[in-house]
Amino acid sequence: RNSCVQPPHGAAGAVLVGRDIGTVICPEAAAKLYIQADVETRARRRFLQQQESGRDVSFETILLALQERDTRDMNRDSCRLQMAADAVLLDTSTLTADEAFKRALEDVGLRLNATDAGNG
C-alpha cells in the first residue's frame, strides 16, 4: 500500500489492477477506472486465451467460474466488488484491446488534467 500512495524513485504514480483497488487499497487515487465487460464477453476472451495456450477447457466451465466469482466478490462481507463513486466506467464489452487501452489513456488523461487544473 505504501508504494501505491508514494511510488518509489519519485514516480508520479502507478497503474494497479484489482477488484478493490479504487475502493479499498487506494481510495484517494487521482484517477480511477472501473473496467468491466459483460460476463459472456469475458468468458469468450478467457476461452480463446485458454485455447491459444493449448488448454482443454469448455466455454461453459469458464462462464460458470466467472459467474460464481462475480457473485462471491459482489456479496462478500468486506472489500466487496463495487465501483468507486469517483471512478470512470470503461465498458470493454465491444472494444478491442487496443481500443480499450486508447480509451483508458484518454479517460485517465482527462481526469489527471482536471486534477492538475484544480491544484494550480
C-alpha atoms as a PDB file:
ATOM      1  CA  ARG A   1       0.000   0.000   0.000  1.00  0.00           C
ATOM      2  CA  ASN A   2       2.776   2.468   0.824  1.00  0.00           C
ATOM      3  CA  SER A   3       4.343   2.127  -2.617  1.00  0.00           C
ATOM      4  CA  CYS A   4       0.914   2.806  -4.137  1.00  0.00           C
ATOM      5  CA  VAL A   5       0.451   6.011  -2.171  1.00  0.00           C
ATOM      6  CA  GLN A   6       4.087   7.115  -2.546  1.00  0.00           C
ATOM      7  CA  PRO A   7       5.560   5.386  -5.615  1.00  0.00           C
ATOM      8  CA  PRO A   8       9.277   4.629  -5.404  1.00  0.00           C
ATOM      9  CA  HIS A   9      12.001   6.633  -7.126  1.00  0.00           C
ATOM     10  CA  GLY A  10       9.871   9.774  -7.350  1.00  0.00           C
ATOM     11  CA  ALA A  11       7.475   8.255  -9.885  1.00  0.00           C
ATOM     12  CA  ALA A  12       4.322  10.247 -10.496  1.00  0.00           C
ATOM     13  CA  GLY A  13       2.029   7.292  -9.914  1.00  0.00           C
ATOM     14  CA  ALA A  14       1.301   3.693 -10.659  1.00  0.00           C
ATOM     15  CA  VAL A  15      -1.146   1.531 -12.540  1.00  0.00           C
ATOM     16  CA  LEU A  16      -2.791  -1.011 -10.269  1.00  0.00           C
ATOM     17  CA  VAL A  17      -5.243  -3.709 -11.228  1.00  0.00           C
ATOM     18  CA  GLY A  18      -7.614  -5.433  -8.854  1.00  0.00           C
ATOM     19  CA  ARG A  19     -11.183  -5.713  -7.788  1.00  0.00           C
ATOM     20  CA  ASP A  20     -10.827  -3.440  -4.735  1.00  0.00           C
ATOM     21  CA  ILE A  21      -8.010  -1.071  -5.744  1.00  0.00           C
ATOM     22  CA  GLY A  22     -10.165   2.066  -6.094  1.00  0.00           C
ATOM     23  CA  THR A  23     -12.338   1.452  -3.048  1.00  0.00           C
ATOM     24  CA  VAL A  24     -10.009  -0.199  -0.506  1.00  0.00           C
ATOM     25  CA  ILE A  25      -6.336  -0.080  -1.486  1.00  0.00           C
ATOM     26  CA  CYS A  26      -6.092   3.452  -2.961  1.00  0.00           C
ATOM     27  CA  PRO A  27      -9.397   5.238  -2.449  1.00  0.00           C
ATOM     28  CA  GLU A  28      -7.622   8.615  -2.720  1.00  0.00           C
ATOM     29  CA  ALA A  29      -6.140   7.942  -6.180  1.00  0.00           C
ATOM     30  CA  ALA A  30      -6.352  10.889  -8.568  1.00  0.00           C
ATOM     31  CA  ALA A  31      -7.612   8.748 -11.456  1.00  0.00           C
ATOM     32  CA  LYS A  32      -9.638   5.559 -11.229  1.00  0.00           C
ATOM     33  CA  LEU A  33     -11.058   3.371 -13.948  1.00  0.00           C
ATOM     34  CA  TYR A  34     -13.658   0.732 -13.278  1.00  0.00           C
ATOM     35  CA  ILE A  35     -13.140  -1.598 -16.198  1.00  0.00           C
ATOM     36  CA  GLN A  36     -15.853  -4.085 -16.970  1.00  0.00           C
ATOM     37  CA  ALA A  37     -17.174  -6.288 -19.725  1.00  0.00           C
ATOM     38  CA  ASP A  38     -20.259  -8.448 -19.711  1.00  0.00           C
ATOM     39  CA  VAL A  39     -19.644 -11.918 -18.351  1.00  0.00           C
ATOM     40  CA  GLU A  40     -20.205 -13.668 -21.696  1.00  0.00           C
ATOM     41  CA  THR A  41     -17.579 -11.464 -23.360  1.00  0.00           C
ATOM     42  CA  ARG A  42     -15.108 -12.091 -20.546  1.00  0.00           C
ATOM     43  CA  ALA A  43     -15.751 -15.839 -20.772  1.00  0.00           C
ATOM     44  CA  ARG A  44     -15.218 -15.802 -24.544  1.00  0.00           C
ATOM     45  CA  ARG A  45     -11.952 -13.898 -24.171  1.00  0.00           C
ATOM     46  CA  ARG A  46     -10.716 -16.269 -21.468  1.00  0.00           C
ATOM     47  CA  PHE A  47     -11.801 -19.287 -23.532  1.00  0.00           C
ATOM     48  CA  LEU A  48      -9.793 -18.057 -26.537  1.00  0.00           C
ATOM     49  CA  GLN A  49      -6.762 -17.410 -24.326  1.00  0.00           C
ATOM     50  CA  GLN A  50      -7.011 -20.928 -22.936  1.00  0.00           C
ATOM     51  CA  GLN A  51      -7.319 -22.419 -26.406  1.00  0.00           C
ATOM     52  CA  GLU A  52      -4.259 -20.474 -27.605  1.00  0.00           C
ATOM     53  CA  SER A  53      -2.336 -21.865 -24.628  1.00  0.00           C
ATOM     54  CA  GLY A  54      -3.333 -25.390 -25.560  1.00  0.00           C
ATOM     55  CA  ARG A  55      -5.567 -25.896 -22.542  1.00  0.00           C
ATOM     56  CA  ASP A  56      -8.659 -28.019 -22.982  1.00  0.00           C
ATOM     57  CA  VAL A  57     -11.468 -26.267 -21.128  1.00  0.00           C
ATOM     58  CA  SER A  58     -15.043 -25.620 -22.174  1.00  0.00           C
ATOM     59  CA  PHE A  59     -16.621 -22.215 -22.631  1.00  0.00           C
ATOM     60  CA  GLU A  60     -19.395 -23.255 -20.233  1.00  0.00           C
ATOM     61  CA  THR A  61     -16.889 -24.126 -17.484  1.00  0.00           C
ATOM     62  CA  ILE A  62     -15.210 -20.750 -17.817  1.00  0.00           C
ATOM     63  CA  LEU A  63     -18.532 -18.908 -17.901  1.00  0.00           C
ATOM     64  CA  LEU A  64     -19.740 -20.648 -14.759  1.00  0.00           C
ATOM     65  CA  ALA A  65     -16.473 -19.941 -12.929  1.00  0.00           C
ATOM     66  CA  LEU A  66     -16.657 -16.236 -13.803  1.00  0.00           C
ATOM     67  CA  GLN A  67     -20.302 -16.002 -12.749  1.00  0.00           C
ATOM     68  CA  GLU A  68     -19.515 -17.671  -9.429  1.00  0.00           C
ATOM     69  CA  ARG A  69     -16.530 -15.390  -8.821  1.00  0.00           C
ATOM     70  CA  ASP A  70     -18.552 -12.264  -9.607  1.00  0.00           C
ATOM     71  CA  THR A  71     -21.365 -13.333  -7.280  1.00  0.00           C
ATOM     72  CA  ARG A  72     -18.909 -14.173  -4.499  1.00  0.00           C
ATOM     73  CA  ASP A  73     -16.973 -10.909  -4.913  1.00  0.00           C
ATOM     74  CA  MET A  74     -20.099  -8.736  -5.043  1.00  0.00           C
ATOM     75  CA  ASN A  75     -21.591 -10.330  -1.931  1.00  0.00           C
ATOM     76  CA  ARG A  76     -18.636 -10.853   0.395  1.00  0.00           C
ATOM     77  CA  ASP A  77     -18.691  -9.210   3.813  1.00  0.00           C
ATOM     78  CA  SER A  78     -15.674  -6.960   3.307  1.00  0.00           C
ATOM     79  CA  CYS A  79     -13.990  -5.375   0.300  1.00  0.00           C
ATOM     80  CA  ARG A  80     -16.942  -6.027  -1.988  1.00  0.00           C
ATOM     81  CA  LEU A  81     -16.576  -5.645  -5.708  1.00  0.00           C
ATOM     82  CA  GLN A  82     -18.046  -2.242  -6.457  1.00  0.00           C
ATOM     83  CA  MET A  83     -17.240   0.809  -8.497  1.00  0.00           C
ATOM     84  CA  ALA A  84     -15.788   3.746  -6.566  1.00  0.00           C
ATOM     85  CA  ALA A  85     -18.073   6.767  -6.653  1.00  0.00           C
ATOM     86  CA  ASP A  86     -15.377   8.846  -8.350  1.00  0.00           C
ATOM     87  CA  ALA A  87     -14.250   6.222 -10.866  1.00  0.00           C
ATOM     88  CA  VAL A  88     -14.768   6.430 -14.616  1.00  0.00           C
ATOM     89  CA  LEU A  89     -16.643   3.446 -16.030  1.00  0.00           C
ATOM     90  CA  LEU A  90     -14.939   1.805 -19.002  1.00  0.00           C
ATOM     91  CA  ASP A  91     -17.021  -0.981 -20.508  1.00  0.00           C
ATOM     92  CA  THR A  92     -14.838  -3.002 -22.849  1.00  0.00           C
ATOM     93  CA  SER A  93     -17.542  -5.450 -23.965  1.00  0.00           C
ATOM     94  CA  THR A  94     -17.446  -4.205 -27.549  1.00  0.00           C
ATOM     95  CA  LEU A  95     -13.872  -2.868 -27.662  1.00  0.00           C
ATOM     96  CA  THR A  96     -10.687  -4.470 -28.898  1.00  0.00           C
ATOM     97  CA  ALA A  97      -7.695  -4.455 -26.552  1.00  0.00           C
ATOM     98  CA  ASP A  98      -6.185  -1.520 -28.479  1.00  0.00           C
ATOM     99  CA  GLU A  99      -9.443   0.439 -28.366  1.00  0.00           C
ATOM    100  CA  ALA A 100      -9.794  -0.184 -24.624  1.00  0.00           C
ATOM    101  CA  PHE A 101      -6.215   0.934 -23.996  1.00  0.00           C
ATOM    102  CA  LYS A 102      -6.718   4.116 -26.015  1.00  0.00           C
ATOM    103  CA  ARG A 103      -9.950   4.898 -24.172  1.00  0.00           C
ATOM    104  CA  ALA A 104      -8.269   4.245 -20.807  1.00  0.00           C
ATOM    105  CA  LEU A 105      -5.424   6.638 -21.662  1.00  0.00           C
ATOM    106  CA  GLU A 106      -7.939   9.288 -22.700  1.00  0.00           C
ATOM    107  CA  ASP A 107     -10.046   8.877 -19.559  1.00  0.00           C
ATOM    108  CA  VAL A 108      -7.061   8.952 -17.213  1.00  0.00           C
ATOM    109  CA  GLY A 109      -5.557  11.906 -19.068  1.00  0.00           C
ATOM    110  CA  LEU A 110      -8.776  13.878 -18.704  1.00  0.00           C
ATOM    111  CA  ARG A 111      -9.016  13.039 -15.012  1.00  0.00           C
ATOM    112  CA  LEU A 112      -5.380  13.944 -14.294  1.00  0.00           C
ATOM    113  CA  ASN A 113      -5.638  17.186 -16.276  1.00  0.00           C
ATOM    114  CA  ALA A 114      -8.756  18.134 -14.297  1.00  0.00           C
ATOM    115  CA  THR A 115      -6.948  17.326 -11.051  1.00  0.00           C
ATOM    116  CA  ASP A 116      -3.921  19.406 -12.098  1.00  0.00           C
ATOM    117  CA  ALA A 117      -6.168  22.330 -13.069  1.00  0.00           C
ATOM    118  CA  GLY A 118      -7.826  22.225  -9.666  1.00  0.00           C
ATOM    119  CA  ASN A 119      -4.446  22.375  -7.920  1.00  0.00           C
ATOM    120  CA  GLY A 120      -2.984  25.188  -9.991  1.00  0.00           C
END
